[in-house]
Amino acid sequence: MKNLLQRLTQFQKISKQEAKEVLVSISKGKFSEVEIASFLTVYMMRNISIEELDGFREALLELCIPVDLSAYNPIDLCGTGGDGKNTFNISTAASFVTASCGIPVAKHGNYGVSSVSGSSNVLENLGVQFSNKEDFLKKCLDKAGICILHAPLFHPAMKEVAPIRKNLGLKTFFNMLGPMVNPSFPKQQLVGVFNLELLRTYAYLYEQTDKKYSIIHELDGYDEISLTSSAKVHTHEKELMISAETFNIKSLQKKELFGGNSIQEAATIFLNVLKGNGTTAQNHVVAANAALAIHTATSKALPTCFEMALQNLTEGKAYGVLKQLKSLN
């Protein structure tokens, strides 16, 4: 580790294989907390290369507990986090809306590290059961159209890093990895990233796969469609810009997306939105993200997907999905 840290602090890059090996070594407890914290911190101060990120990704996928959900061909809606915006749990709400529209969802998520409340915090607060048992996950997809893949249950390699990340309370390269290491290896994905450089990195790596995907970065900093400005989107077919005008609605103000100051407050907002009682702004931003997921999976026109998503949300059908999922505990 000392040799790697010396090189990295001199702004040298490490190879894909070296990146892979160091993460495997971290997972086996070969380094101290100080060494791991130093390693994470270096990447907060310099850019990560495509080769380094790819090596880290390969390591986590090889070390994960995989589940085979391929018969359902689910889509994952997941953001990197780390945008510092403290929005309510938009992509998680959009996941339930997407499922209510008949698109199977395998939602990968975790507890919040650099935010007040991650998807797992909210869902756990609301009584959703987490499991890494394949039969249970398939049952969730059969009955509710969605299953929750709580990252710590599938990535035992992360147990050495999790408390350090929590103590740092800052975004690290593990934020960048989150959406890439869904243990069900979905062939369809909606990914939000926190800057344009990472969008280009993701696009390069995803172009090497057979996935159907949409990678989003809102130009004013969000890792999802926020409708506060324009979002750059790179898909498996094209590049496009998405804004409120795409859906013939009004642009939003940042304050309208506020996610609360506690997990309980975040869960209350989330539940209110899913029940169809959200504000117009909340409903529109959730429907916009669900629309892009539906479009990614079906190629239907975005405005059509938006209307379908908005209707299912406001009629409480997404809440019905949550109730069904909770009943399987």
C-alpha atoms as a PDB file:
ATOM      1  CA  MET A   1       0.000   0.000   0.000  1.00  0.00           C
ATOM      2  CA  LYS A   2       2.816   2.427   0.839  1.00  0.00           C
ATOM      3  CA  ASN A   3       4.218   2.123  -2.688  1.00  0.00           C
ATOM      4  CA  LEU A   4       0.797   2.745  -4.235  1.00  0.00           C
ATOM      5  CA  LEU A   5       0.161   5.757  -2.012  1.00  0.00           C
ATOM      6  CA  GLN A   6       3.536   7.256  -2.943  1.00  0.00           C
ATOM      7  CA  ARG A   7       2.706   6.927  -6.627  1.00  0.00           C
ATOM      8  CA  LEU A   8      -0.842   8.208  -6.262  1.00  0.00           C
ATOM      9  CA  THR A   9       0.190  11.253  -4.229  1.00  0.00           C
ATOM     10  CA  GLN A  10       2.587  12.098  -7.065  1.00  0.00           C
ATOM     11  CA  PHE A  11      -0.444  12.031  -9.405  1.00  0.00           C
ATOM     12  CA  GLN A  12       0.667   8.822 -11.113  1.00  0.00           C
ATOM     13  CA  LYS A  13      -1.993   6.359 -12.242  1.00  0.00           C
ATOM     14  CA  ILE A  14      -2.158   2.710 -11.299  1.00  0.00           C
ATOM     15  CA  SER A  15      -3.116  -0.047 -13.729  1.00  0.00           C
ATOM     16  CA  LYS A  16      -6.480  -1.783 -13.904  1.00  0.00           C
ATOM     17  CA  GLN A  17      -4.899  -4.924 -12.435  1.00  0.00           C
ATOM     18  CA  GLU A  18      -3.266  -3.009  -9.585  1.00  0.00           C
ATOM     19  CA  ALA A  19      -6.582  -1.319  -8.789  1.00  0.00           C
ATOM     20  CA  LYS A  20      -8.314  -4.677  -8.757  1.00  0.00           C
ATOM     21  CA  GLU A  21      -5.663  -6.253  -6.540  1.00  0.00           C
ATOM     22  CA  VAL A  22      -5.613  -3.459  -3.982  1.00  0.00           C
ATOM     23  CA  LEU A  23      -9.394  -3.613  -3.530  1.00  0.00           C
ATOM     24  CA  VAL A  24      -9.235  -7.384  -3.092  1.00  0.00           C
ATOM     25  CA  SER A  25      -6.498  -6.893  -0.491  1.00  0.00           C
ATOM     26  CA  ILE A  26      -8.596  -4.270   1.320  1.00  0.00           C
ATOM     27  CA  SER A  27     -11.513  -6.727   1.414  1.00  0.00           C
ATOM     28  CA  LYS A  28      -9.277  -9.363   3.018  1.00  0.00           C
ATOM     29  CA  GLY A  29      -8.324  -7.009   5.849  1.00  0.00           C
ATOM     30  CA  LYS A  30      -4.702  -6.674   4.790  1.00  0.00           C
ATOM     31  CA  PHE A  31      -4.522  -2.930   5.457  1.00  0.00           C
ATOM     32  CA  SER A  32      -5.111  -0.723   8.491  1.00  0.00           C
ATOM     33  CA  GLU A  33      -7.930   1.820   8.742  1.00  0.00           C
ATOM     34  CA  VAL A  34      -5.368   4.609   8.375  1.00  0.00           C
ATOM     35  CA  GLU A  35      -4.030   3.103   5.138  1.00  0.00           C
ATOM     36  CA  ILE A  36      -7.539   2.632   3.735  1.00  0.00           C
ATOM     37  CA  ALA A  37      -8.573   6.163   4.721  1.00  0.00           C
ATOM     38  CA  SER A  38      -5.429   7.515   3.048  1.00  0.00           C
ATOM     39  CA  PHE A  39      -6.195   5.533  -0.098  1.00  0.00           C
ATOM     40  CA  LEU A  40      -9.755   6.887  -0.247  1.00  0.00           C
ATOM     41  CA  THR A  41      -8.586  10.428   0.454  1.00  0.00           C
ATOM     42  CA  VAL A  42      -6.071  10.428  -2.409  1.00  0.00           C
ATOM     43  CA  TYR A  43      -8.934   9.923  -4.850  1.00  0.00           C
ATOM     44  CA  MET A  44     -10.786  12.902  -3.415  1.00  0.00           C
ATOM     45  CA  MET A  45      -7.841  15.056  -4.463  1.00  0.00           C
ATOM     46  CA  ARG A  46      -7.175  13.699  -7.936  1.00  0.00           C
ATOM     47  CA  ASN A  47      -9.233  12.311 -10.807  1.00  0.00           C
ATOM     48  CA  ILE A  48      -9.796   8.590 -11.145  1.00  0.00           C
ATOM     49  CA  SER A  49      -8.820   7.022 -14.478  1.00  0.00           C
ATOM     50  CA  ILE A  50     -11.044   4.740 -16.529  1.00  0.00           C
ATOM     51  CA  GLU A  51      -8.616   1.861 -15.926  1.00  0.00           C
ATOM     52  CA  GLU A  52      -8.621   2.407 -12.158  1.00  0.00           C
ATOM     53  CA  LEU A  53     -12.410   2.586 -11.935  1.00  0.00           C
ATOM     54  CA  ASP A  54     -12.753  -0.492 -14.136  1.00  0.00           C
ATOM     55  CA  GLY A  55     -10.336  -2.409 -11.911  1.00  0.00           C
ATOM     56  CA  PHE A  56     -12.238  -1.456  -8.766  1.00  0.00           C
ATOM     57  CA  ARG A  57     -15.504  -2.448 -10.483  1.00  0.00           C
ATOM     58  CA  GLU A  58     -14.174  -5.855 -11.527  1.00  0.00           C
ATOM     59  CA  ALA A  59     -12.931  -6.545  -8.015  1.00  0.00           C
ATOM     60  CA  LEU A  60     -16.282  -5.795  -6.371  1.00  0.00           C
ATOM     61  CA  LEU A  61     -18.235  -7.815  -8.944  1.00  0.00           C
ATOM     62  CA  GLU A  62     -15.952 -10.820  -8.499  1.00  0.00           C
ATOM     63  CA  LEU A  63     -16.203 -10.563  -4.711  1.00  0.00           C
ATOM     64  CA  CYS A  64     -19.977 -10.000  -4.548  1.00  0.00           C
ATOM     65  CA  ILE A  65     -22.694 -12.534  -3.746  1.00  0.00           C
ATOM     66  CA  PRO A  66     -24.405 -12.786  -7.154  1.00  0.00           C
ATOM     67  CA  VAL A  67     -28.114 -13.419  -7.763  1.00  0.00           C
ATOM     68  CA  ASP A  68     -29.612 -14.555 -11.050  1.00  0.00           C
ATOM     69  CA  LEU A  69     -32.697 -12.498 -11.883  1.00  0.00           C
ATOM     70  CA  SER A  70     -32.133 -12.638 -15.641  1.00  0.00           C
ATOM     71  CA  ALA A  71     -35.496 -14.320 -16.286  1.00  0.00           C
ATOM     72  CA  TYR A  72     -37.149 -11.022 -15.303  1.00  0.00           C
ATOM     73  CA  ASN A  73     -34.772  -8.780 -17.292  1.00  0.00           C
ATOM     74  CA  PRO A  74     -35.090  -6.083 -14.599  1.00  0.00           C
ATOM     75  CA  ILE A  75     -33.911  -2.498 -14.784  1.00  0.00           C
ATOM     76  CA  ASP A  76     -31.968  -0.781 -12.008  1.00  0.00           C
ATOM     77  CA  LEU A  77     -32.436   2.910 -11.180  1.00  0.00           C
ATOM     78  CA  CYS A  78     -29.445   4.062  -9.181  1.00  0.00           C
ATOM     79  CA  GLY A  79     -27.416   7.232  -8.726  1.00  0.00           C
ATOM     80  CA  THR A  80     -23.888   7.697  -7.518  1.00  0.00           C
ATOM     81  CA  GLY A  81     -24.967  10.120  -4.814  1.00  0.00           C
ATOM     82  CA  GLY A  82     -22.337  12.602  -3.777  1.00  0.00           C
ATOM     83  CA  ASP A  83     -23.964  15.569  -5.507  1.00  0.00           C
ATOM     84  CA  GLY A  84     -24.462  17.356  -2.173  1.00  0.00           C
ATOM     85  CA  LYS A  85     -27.987  18.460  -3.092  1.00  0.00           C
ATOM     86  CA  ASN A  86     -29.970  16.762  -0.296  1.00  0.00           C
ATOM     87  CA  THR A  87     -32.939  15.977  -2.510  1.00  0.00           C
ATOM     88  CA  PHE A  88     -35.665  13.609  -1.401  1.00  0.00           C
ATOM     89  CA  ASN A  89     -35.216  10.004  -2.574  1.00  0.00           C
ATOM     90  CA  ILE A  90     -36.162  10.628  -6.186  1.00  0.00           C
ATOM     91  CA  SER A  91     -34.640   7.599  -7.906  1.00  0.00           C
ATOM     92  CA  THR A  92     -36.053   5.257  -5.249  1.00  0.00           C
ATOM     93  CA  ALA A  93     -39.541   6.714  -5.706  1.00  0.00           C
ATOM     94  CA  ALA A  94     -39.078   6.490  -9.478  1.00  0.00           C
ATOM     95  CA  SER A  95     -38.189   2.810  -9.059  1.00  0.00           C
ATOM     96  CA  PHE A  96     -41.592   2.086  -7.516  1.00  0.00           C
ATOM     97  CA  VAL A  97     -43.339   4.098 -10.223  1.00  0.00           C
ATOM     98  CA  THR A  98     -41.437   2.193 -12.918  1.00  0.00           C
ATOM     99  CA  ALA A  99     -42.459  -1.119 -11.346  1.00  0.00           C
ATOM    100  CA  SER A 100     -46.076   0.050 -11.231  1.00  0.00           C
ATOM    101  CA  CYS A 101     -45.862   0.559 -15.003  1.00  0.00           C
ATOM    102  CA  GLY A 102     -45.034  -3.111 -15.547  1.00  0.00           C
ATOM    103  CA  ILE A 103     -41.235  -2.843 -15.831  1.00  0.00           C
ATOM    104  CA  PRO A 104     -39.485  -5.240 -13.381  1.00  0.00           C
ATOM    105  CA  VAL A 105     -37.004  -3.403 -11.147  1.00  0.00           C
ATOM    106  CA  ALA A 106     -33.953  -4.717  -9.249  1.00  0.00           C
ATOM    107  CA  LYS A 107     -33.110  -1.656  -7.144  1.00  0.00           C
ATOM    108  CA  HIS A 108     -29.537  -1.558  -5.876  1.00  0.00           C
ATOM    109  CA  GLY A 109     -29.038   0.802  -2.939  1.00  0.00           C
ATOM    110  CA  ASN A 110     -27.271   1.557   0.302  1.00  0.00           C
ATOM    111  CA  TYR A 111     -27.363   3.705   3.399  1.00  0.00           C
ATOM    112  CA  GLY A 112     -26.525   7.365   2.913  1.00  0.00           C
ATOM    113  CA  VAL A 113     -22.867   8.275   3.374  1.00  0.00           C
ATOM    114  CA  SER A 114     -22.590  11.844   2.119  1.00  0.00           C
ATOM    115  CA  SER A 115     -26.346  12.514   2.296  1.00  0.00           C
ATOM    116  CA  VAL A 116     -28.914  12.604   5.092  1.00  0.00           C
ATOM    117  CA  SER A 117     -30.774   9.528   3.910  1.00  0.00           C
ATOM    118  CA  GLY A 118     -29.931   6.948   1.258  1.00  0.00           C
ATOM    119  CA  SER A 119     -32.475   4.635  -0.343  1.00  0.00           C
ATOM    120  CA  SER A 120     -31.815   1.885   2.218  1.00  0.00           C
ATOM    121  CA  ASN A 121     -32.359   4.289   5.137  1.00  0.00           C
ATOM    122  CA  VAL A 122     -35.800   5.244   3.845  1.00  0.00           C
ATOM    123  CA  LEU A 123     -36.926   1.750   2.868  1.00  0.00           C
ATOM    124  CA  GLU A 124     -35.725   0.253   6.137  1.00  0.00           C
ATOM    125  CA  ASN A 125     -37.548   3.000   8.044  1.00  0.00           C
ATOM    126  CA  LEU A 126     -40.739   2.091   6.173  1.00  0.00           C
ATOM    127  CA  GLY A 127     -40.446  -1.590   7.050  1.00  0.00           C
ATOM    128  CA  VAL A 128     -39.101  -3.100   3.820  1.00  0.00           C
ATOM    129  CA  GLN A 129     -37.168  -6.303   4.463  1.00  0.00           C
ATOM    130  CA  PHE A 130     -33.669  -6.685   3.016  1.00  0.00           C
ATOM    131  CA  SER A 131     -32.429 -10.097   1.930  1.00  0.00           C
ATOM    132  CA  ASN A 132     -29.786 -11.617  -0.335  1.00  0.00           C
ATOM    133  CA  LYS A 133     -31.751 -14.838  -0.800  1.00  0.00           C
ATOM    134  CA  GLU A 134     -32.495 -15.390  -4.466  1.00  0.00           C
ATOM    135  CA  ASP A 135     -35.839 -17.122  -3.856  1.00  0.00           C
ATOM    136  CA  PHE A 136     -37.094 -14.201  -1.770  1.00  0.00           C
ATOM    137  CA  LEU A 137     -35.957 -11.653  -4.373  1.00  0.00           C
ATOM    138  CA  LYS A 138     -37.731 -13.589  -7.108  1.00  0.00           C
ATOM    139  CA  LYS A 139     -40.847 -13.707  -4.956  1.00  0.00           C
ATOM    140  CA  CYS A 140     -40.660  -9.906  -4.617  1.00  0.00           C
ATOM    141  CA  LEU A 141     -40.438  -9.541  -8.391  1.00  0.00           C
ATOM    142  CA  ASP A 142     -43.316 -11.992  -8.923  1.00  0.00           C
ATOM    143  CA  LYS A 143     -45.626 -10.323  -6.427  1.00  0.00           C
ATOM    144  CA  ALA A 144     -44.579  -6.654  -6.413  1.00  0.00           C
ATOM    145  CA  GLY A 145     -42.571  -6.197  -9.611  1.00  0.00           C
ATOM    146  CA  ILE A 146     -39.583  -4.878  -7.651  1.00  0.00           C
ATOM    147  CA  CYS A 147     -36.880  -6.262  -5.389  1.00  0.00           C
ATOM    148  CA  ILE A 148     -34.403  -4.379  -3.210  1.00  0.00           C
ATOM    149  CA  LEU A 149     -30.712  -5.277  -3.365  1.00  0.00           C
ATOM    150  CA  HIS A 150     -29.260  -3.751  -0.186  1.00  0.00           C
ATOM    151  CA  ALA A 151     -25.569  -3.408  -1.039  1.00  0.00           C
ATOM    152  CA  PRO A 152     -24.004  -4.530   2.285  1.00  0.00           C
ATOM    153  CA  LEU A 153     -25.747  -7.919   2.025  1.00  0.00           C
ATOM    154  CA  PHE A 154     -24.166  -8.574  -1.371  1.00  0.00           C
ATOM    155  CA  HIS A 155     -20.762  -6.955  -0.984  1.00  0.00           C
ATOM    156  CA  PRO A 156     -19.028  -8.484   2.036  1.00  0.00           C
ATOM    157  CA  ALA A 157     -15.811  -6.964   0.672  1.00  0.00           C
ATOM    158  CA  MET A 158     -17.170  -3.569   1.709  1.00  0.00           C
ATOM    159  CA  LYS A 159     -17.305  -4.318   5.430  1.00  0.00           C
ATOM    160  CA  GLU A 160     -13.710  -3.144   5.865  1.00  0.00           C
ATOM    161  CA  VAL A 161     -14.506   0.159   4.154  1.00  0.00           C
ATOM    162  CA  ALA A 162     -18.036   0.982   5.341  1.00  0.00           C
ATOM    163  CA  PRO A 163     -17.171   2.407   8.791  1.00  0.00           C
ATOM    164  CA  ILE A 164     -14.335   4.460   7.319  1.00  0.00           C
ATOM    165  CA  ARG A 165     -16.615   5.915   4.638  1.00  0.00           C
ATOM    166  CA  LYS A 166     -19.199   6.717   7.296  1.00  0.00           C
ATOM    167  CA  ASN A 167     -16.647   8.465   9.488  1.00  0.00           C
ATOM    168  CA  LEU A 168     -15.284  10.461   6.568  1.00  0.00           C
ATOM    169  CA  GLY A 169     -18.818  11.484   5.561  1.00  0.00           C
ATOM    170  CA  LEU A 170     -17.591  12.525   2.109  1.00  0.00           C
ATOM    171  CA  LYS A 171     -18.096  11.126  -1.359  1.00  0.00           C
ATOM    172  CA  THR A 172     -15.360   8.686  -2.376  1.00  0.00           C
ATOM    173  CA  PHE A 173     -14.744   6.559  -5.447  1.00  0.00           C
ATOM    174  CA  PHE A 174     -17.145   4.034  -3.899  1.00  0.00           C
ATOM    175  CA  ASN A 175     -19.922   6.484  -4.816  1.00  0.00           C
ATOM    176  CA  MET A 176     -18.746   6.149  -8.410  1.00  0.00           C
ATOM    177  CA  LEU A 177     -18.809   2.356  -8.146  1.00  0.00           C
ATOM    178  CA  GLY A 178     -22.249   1.906  -6.578  1.00  0.00           C
ATOM    179  CA  PRO A 179     -24.384   1.795  -9.729  1.00  0.00           C
ATOM    180  CA  MET A 180     -21.820  -0.390 -11.528  1.00  0.00           C
ATOM    181  CA  VAL A 181     -21.837  -3.267  -9.079  1.00  0.00           C
ATOM    182  CA  ASN A 182     -25.473  -4.417  -8.916  1.00  0.00           C
ATOM    183  CA  PRO A 183     -25.108  -8.105  -7.933  1.00  0.00           C
ATOM    184  CA  SER A 184     -27.894  -9.167 -10.305  1.00  0.00           C
ATOM    185  CA  PHE A 185     -25.863  -7.889 -13.284  1.00  0.00           C
ATOM    186  CA  PRO A 186     -28.923  -6.221 -14.893  1.00  0.00           C
ATOM    187  CA  LYS A 187     -28.988  -5.744 -18.648  1.00  0.00           C
ATOM    188  CA  GLN A 188     -30.991  -2.529 -18.291  1.00  0.00           C
ATOM    189  CA  GLN A 189     -30.017   0.465 -16.180  1.00  0.00           C
ATOM    190  CA  LEU A 190     -30.756   4.098 -15.473  1.00  0.00           C
ATOM    191  CA  VAL A 191     -27.673   5.677 -13.870  1.00  0.00           C
ATOM    192  CA  GLY A 192     -27.227   9.156 -12.413  1.00  0.00           C
ATOM    193  CA  VAL A 193     -23.728  10.601 -11.941  1.00  0.00           C
ATOM    194  CA  PHE A 194     -22.489  13.697 -10.113  1.00  0.00           C
ATOM    195  CA  ASN A 195     -20.352  15.315 -12.835  1.00  0.00           C
ATOM    196  CA  LEU A 196     -19.797  15.353 -16.591  1.00  0.00           C
ATOM    197  CA  GLU A 197     -16.390  13.728 -16.417  1.00  0.00           C
ATOM    198  CA  LEU A 198     -17.883  10.716 -14.662  1.00  0.00           C
ATOM    199  CA  LEU A 199     -20.668  10.617 -17.244  1.00  0.00           C
ATOM    200  CA  ARG A 200     -18.041  10.285 -19.967  1.00  0.00           C
ATOM    201  CA  THR A 201     -16.210   7.576 -17.993  1.00  0.00           C
ATOM    202  CA  TYR A 202     -19.412   5.616 -17.439  1.00  0.00           C
ATOM    203  CA  ALA A 203     -20.374   6.007 -21.082  1.00  0.00           C
ATOM    204  CA  TYR A 204     -17.020   4.605 -22.208  1.00  0.00           C
ATOM    205  CA  LEU A 205     -17.295   1.589 -19.886  1.00  0.00           C
ATOM    206  CA  TYR A 206     -20.961   0.909 -20.639  1.00  0.00           C
ATOM    207  CA  GLU A 207     -20.348   1.104 -24.379  1.00  0.00           C
ATOM    208  CA  GLN A 208     -18.249  -2.044 -23.971  1.00  0.00           C
ATOM    209  CA  THR A 209     -21.287  -3.970 -22.667  1.00  0.00           C
ATOM    210  CA  ASP A 210     -24.548  -5.256 -24.128  1.00  0.00           C
ATOM    211  CA  LYS A 211     -26.643  -3.215 -21.667  1.00  0.00           C
ATOM    212  CA  LYS A 212     -29.546  -0.962 -22.515  1.00  0.00           C
ATOM    213  CA  TYR A 213     -28.734   2.114 -20.454  1.00  0.00           C
ATOM    214  CA  SER A 214     -29.242   5.804 -19.858  1.00  0.00           C
ATOM    215  CA  ILE A 215     -26.596   7.782 -17.955  1.00  0.00           C
ATOM    216  CA  ILE A 216     -27.686  11.175 -16.591  1.00  0.00           C
ATOM    217  CA  HIS A 217     -26.039  14.298 -15.287  1.00  0.00           C
ATOM    218  CA  GLU A 218     -28.080  17.437 -14.654  1.00  0.00           C
ATOM    219  CA  LEU A 219     -25.925  20.370 -15.715  1.00  0.00           C
ATOM    220  CA  ASP A 220     -26.435  22.252 -12.446  1.00  0.00           C
ATOM    221  CA  GLY A 221     -24.968  19.345 -10.510  1.00  0.00           C
ATOM    222  CA  TYR A 222     -27.628  16.728  -9.756  1.00  0.00           C
ATOM    223  CA  ASP A 223     -27.077  12.994 -10.256  1.00  0.00           C
ATOM    224  CA  GLU A 224     -30.610  12.606 -11.653  1.00  0.00           C
ATOM    225  CA  ILE A 225     -33.123  14.512 -13.741  1.00  0.00           C
ATOM    226  CA  SER A 226     -34.010  17.411 -11.448  1.00  0.00           C
ATOM    227  CA  LEU A 227     -35.946  19.606 -13.931  1.00  0.00           C
ATOM    228  CA  THR A 228     -34.054  22.596 -12.514  1.00  0.00           C
ATOM    229  CA  SER A 229     -31.957  23.015 -15.676  1.00  0.00           C
ATOM    230  CA  SER A 230     -31.073  20.651 -18.527  1.00  0.00           C
ATOM    231  CA  ALA A 231     -29.779  17.109 -18.117  1.00  0.00           C
ATOM    232  CA  LYS A 232     -27.245  15.547 -20.430  1.00  0.00           C
ATOM    233  CA  VAL A 233     -28.129  11.926 -21.127  1.00  0.00           C
ATOM    234  CA  HIS A 234     -25.968   9.318 -22.823  1.00  0.00           C
ATOM    235  CA  THR A 235     -27.871   6.160 -23.832  1.00  0.00           C
ATOM    236  CA  HIS A 236     -27.011   2.908 -25.591  1.00  0.00           C
ATOM    237  CA  GLU A 237     -28.431   4.489 -28.754  1.00  0.00           C
ATOM    238  CA  LYS A 238     -27.888   8.245 -28.615  1.00  0.00           C
ATOM    239  CA  GLU A 239     -27.059  11.390 -26.675  1.00  0.00           C
ATOM    240  CA  LEU A 240     -29.789  13.856 -25.772  1.00  0.00           C
ATOM    241  CA  MET A 241     -30.694  16.754 -23.514  1.00  0.00           C
ATOM    242  CA  ILE A 242     -33.717  16.523 -21.229  1.00  0.00           C
ATOM    243  CA  SER A 243     -35.410  19.435 -19.480  1.00  0.00           C
ATOM    244  CA  ALA A 244     -38.861  20.384 -18.236  1.00  0.00           C
ATOM    245  CA  GLU A 245     -39.708  21.391 -21.807  1.00  0.00           C
ATOM    246  CA  THR A 246     -39.261  17.761 -22.874  1.00  0.00           C
ATOM    247  CA  PHE A 247     -42.379  16.949 -20.851  1.00  0.00           C
ATOM    248  CA  ASN A 248     -44.179  20.256 -21.492  1.00  0.00           C
ATOM    249  CA  ILE A 249     -44.041  21.257 -17.822  1.00  0.00           C
ATOM    250  CA  LYS A 250     -42.515  24.106 -15.815  1.00  0.00           C
ATOM    251  CA  SER A 251     -38.918  24.122 -14.584  1.00  0.00           C
ATOM    252  CA  LEU A 252     -38.428  23.552 -10.862  1.00  0.00           C
ATOM    253  CA  GLN A 253     -36.637  25.423  -8.098  1.00  0.00           C
ATOM    254  CA  LYS A 254     -33.988  23.591  -6.064  1.00  0.00           C
ATOM    255  CA  LYS A 255     -35.874  24.206  -2.807  1.00  0.00           C
ATOM    256  CA  GLU A 256     -38.831  22.220  -4.180  1.00  0.00           C
ATOM    257  CA  LEU A 257     -36.728  19.025  -4.106  1.00  0.00           C
ATOM    258  CA  PHE A 258     -35.631  19.298  -0.464  1.00  0.00           C
ATOM    259  CA  GLY A 259     -35.190  15.882   1.152  1.00  0.00           C
ATOM    260  CA  GLY A 260     -35.503  16.662   4.862  1.00  0.00           C
ATOM    261  CA  ASN A 261     -33.066  16.954   7.757  1.00  0.00           C
ATOM    262  CA  SER A 262     -33.414  13.424   9.131  1.00  0.00           C
ATOM    263  CA  ILE A 263     -34.137   9.872   7.994  1.00  0.00           C
ATOM    264  CA  GLN A 264     -37.607  10.098   9.507  1.00  0.00           C
ATOM    265  CA  GLU A 265     -38.366  13.314   7.660  1.00  0.00           C
ATOM    266  CA  ALA A 266     -37.020  11.831   4.417  1.00  0.00           C
ATOM    267  CA  ALA A 267     -39.210   8.743   4.870  1.00  0.00           C
ATOM    268  CA  THR A 268     -42.277  10.903   5.511  1.00  0.00           C
ATOM    269  CA  ILE A 269     -41.673  12.891   2.321  1.00  0.00           C
ATOM    270  CA  PHE A 270     -41.065   9.703   0.342  1.00  0.00           C
ATOM    271  CA  LEU A 271     -44.234   8.030   1.600  1.00  0.00           C
ATOM    272  CA  ASN A 272     -46.326  11.124   0.965  1.00  0.00           C
ATOM    273  CA  VAL A 273     -45.105  11.278  -2.638  1.00  0.00           C
ATOM    274  CA  LEU A 274     -45.738   7.572  -3.280  1.00  0.00           C
ATOM    275  CA  LYS A 275     -49.257   7.875  -1.884  1.00  0.00           C
ATOM    276  CA  GLY A 276     -49.975  10.424  -4.591  1.00  0.00           C
ATOM    277  CA  ASN A 277     -50.002  13.336  -2.153  1.00  0.00           C
ATOM    278  CA  GLY A 278     -46.763  14.963  -3.255  1.00  0.00           C
ATOM    279  CA  THR A 279     -46.471  18.504  -4.552  1.00  0.00           C
ATOM    280  CA  THR A 280     -46.648  19.098  -8.301  1.00  0.00           C
ATOM    281  CA  ALA A 281     -42.866  19.553  -8.309  1.00  0.00           C
ATOM    282  CA  GLN A 282     -42.249  16.285  -6.451  1.00  0.00           C
ATOM    283  CA  ASN A 283     -44.626  14.376  -8.709  1.00  0.00           C
ATOM    284  CA  HIS A 284     -43.089  15.798 -11.861  1.00  0.00           C
ATOM    285  CA  VAL A 285     -39.477  15.061 -10.935  1.00  0.00           C
ATOM    286  CA  VAL A 286     -40.266  11.470  -9.935  1.00  0.00           C
ATOM    287  CA  ALA A 287     -42.325  10.910 -13.084  1.00  0.00           C
ATOM    288  CA  ALA A 288     -39.548  12.364 -15.263  1.00  0.00           C
ATOM    289  CA  ASN A 289     -36.972   9.927 -13.891  1.00  0.00           C
ATOM    290  CA  ALA A 290     -39.375   7.004 -14.133  1.00  0.00           C
ATOM    291  CA  ALA A 291     -40.167   8.072 -17.693  1.00  0.00           C
ATOM    292  CA  LEU A 292     -36.515   7.811 -18.715  1.00  0.00           C
ATOM    293  CA  ALA A 293     -36.313   4.352 -17.115  1.00  0.00           C
ATOM    294  CA  ILE A 294     -39.424   3.211 -18.989  1.00  0.00           C
ATOM    295  CA  HIS A 295     -38.084   4.735 -22.213  1.00  0.00           C
ATOM    296  CA  THR A 296     -34.760   2.936 -21.709  1.00  0.00           C
ATOM    297  CA  ALA A 297     -36.535  -0.400 -21.342  1.00  0.00           C
ATOM    298  CA  THR A 298     -39.245   0.027 -23.990  1.00  0.00           C
ATOM    299  CA  SER A 299     -38.112   2.794 -26.408  1.00  0.00           C
ATOM    300  CA  LYS A 300     -41.544   4.429 -26.069  1.00  0.00           C
ATOM    301  CA  ALA A 301     -41.580   8.200 -26.542  1.00  0.00           C
ATOM    302  CA  LEU A 302     -40.489  10.113 -23.436  1.00  0.00           C
ATOM    303  CA  PRO A 303     -43.668  12.257 -23.171  1.00  0.00           C
ATOM    304  CA  THR A 304     -45.793   9.085 -23.356  1.00  0.00           C
ATOM    305  CA  CYS A 305     -43.703   7.445 -20.646  1.00  0.00           C
ATOM    306  CA  PHE A 306     -43.994  10.581 -18.501  1.00  0.00           C
ATOM    307  CA  GLU A 307     -47.797  10.648 -18.712  1.00  0.00           C
ATOM    308  CA  MET A 308     -47.977   6.953 -17.800  1.00  0.00           C
ATOM    309  CA  ALA A 309     -45.611   7.419 -14.858  1.00  0.00           C
ATOM    310  CA  LEU A 310     -47.377  10.540 -13.584  1.00  0.00           C
ATOM    311  CA  GLN A 311     -50.783   8.876 -13.754  1.00  0.00           C
ATOM    312  CA  ASN A 312     -49.617   5.792 -11.865  1.00  0.00           C
ATOM    313  CA  LEU A 313     -47.947   7.946  -9.226  1.00  0.00           C
ATOM    314  CA  THR A 314     -50.873  10.292  -8.610  1.00  0.00           C
ATOM    315  CA  GLU A 315     -53.349   7.390  -8.582  1.00  0.00           C
ATOM    316  CA  GLY A 316     -51.345   5.676  -5.836  1.00  0.00           C
ATOM    317  CA  LYS A 317     -50.314   2.661  -7.920  1.00  0.00           C
ATOM    318  CA  ALA A 318     -46.654   3.117  -6.951  1.00  0.00           C
ATOM    319  CA  TYR A 319     -47.737   3.096  -3.303  1.00  0.00           C
ATOM    320  CA  GLY A 320     -49.565  -0.150  -4.036  1.00  0.00           C
ATOM    321  CA  VAL A 321     -46.241  -1.636  -5.147  1.00  0.00           C
ATOM    322  CA  LEU A 322     -44.631  -0.567  -1.855  1.00  0.00           C
ATOM    323  CA  LYS A 323     -47.504  -2.066   0.165  1.00  0.00           C
ATOM    324  CA  GLN A 324     -47.216  -5.325  -1.746  1.00  0.00           C
ATOM    325  CA  LEU A 325     -43.460  -5.433  -1.190  1.00  0.00           C
ATOM    326  CA  LYS A 326     -43.852  -4.807   2.550  1.00  0.00           C
ATOM    327  CA  SER A 327     -46.443  -7.579   2.814  1.00  0.00           C
ATOM    328  CA  LEU A 328     -43.780 -10.096   1.768  1.00  0.00           C
ATOM    329  CA  ASN A 329     -41.732  -9.569   4.939  1.00  0.00           C
END
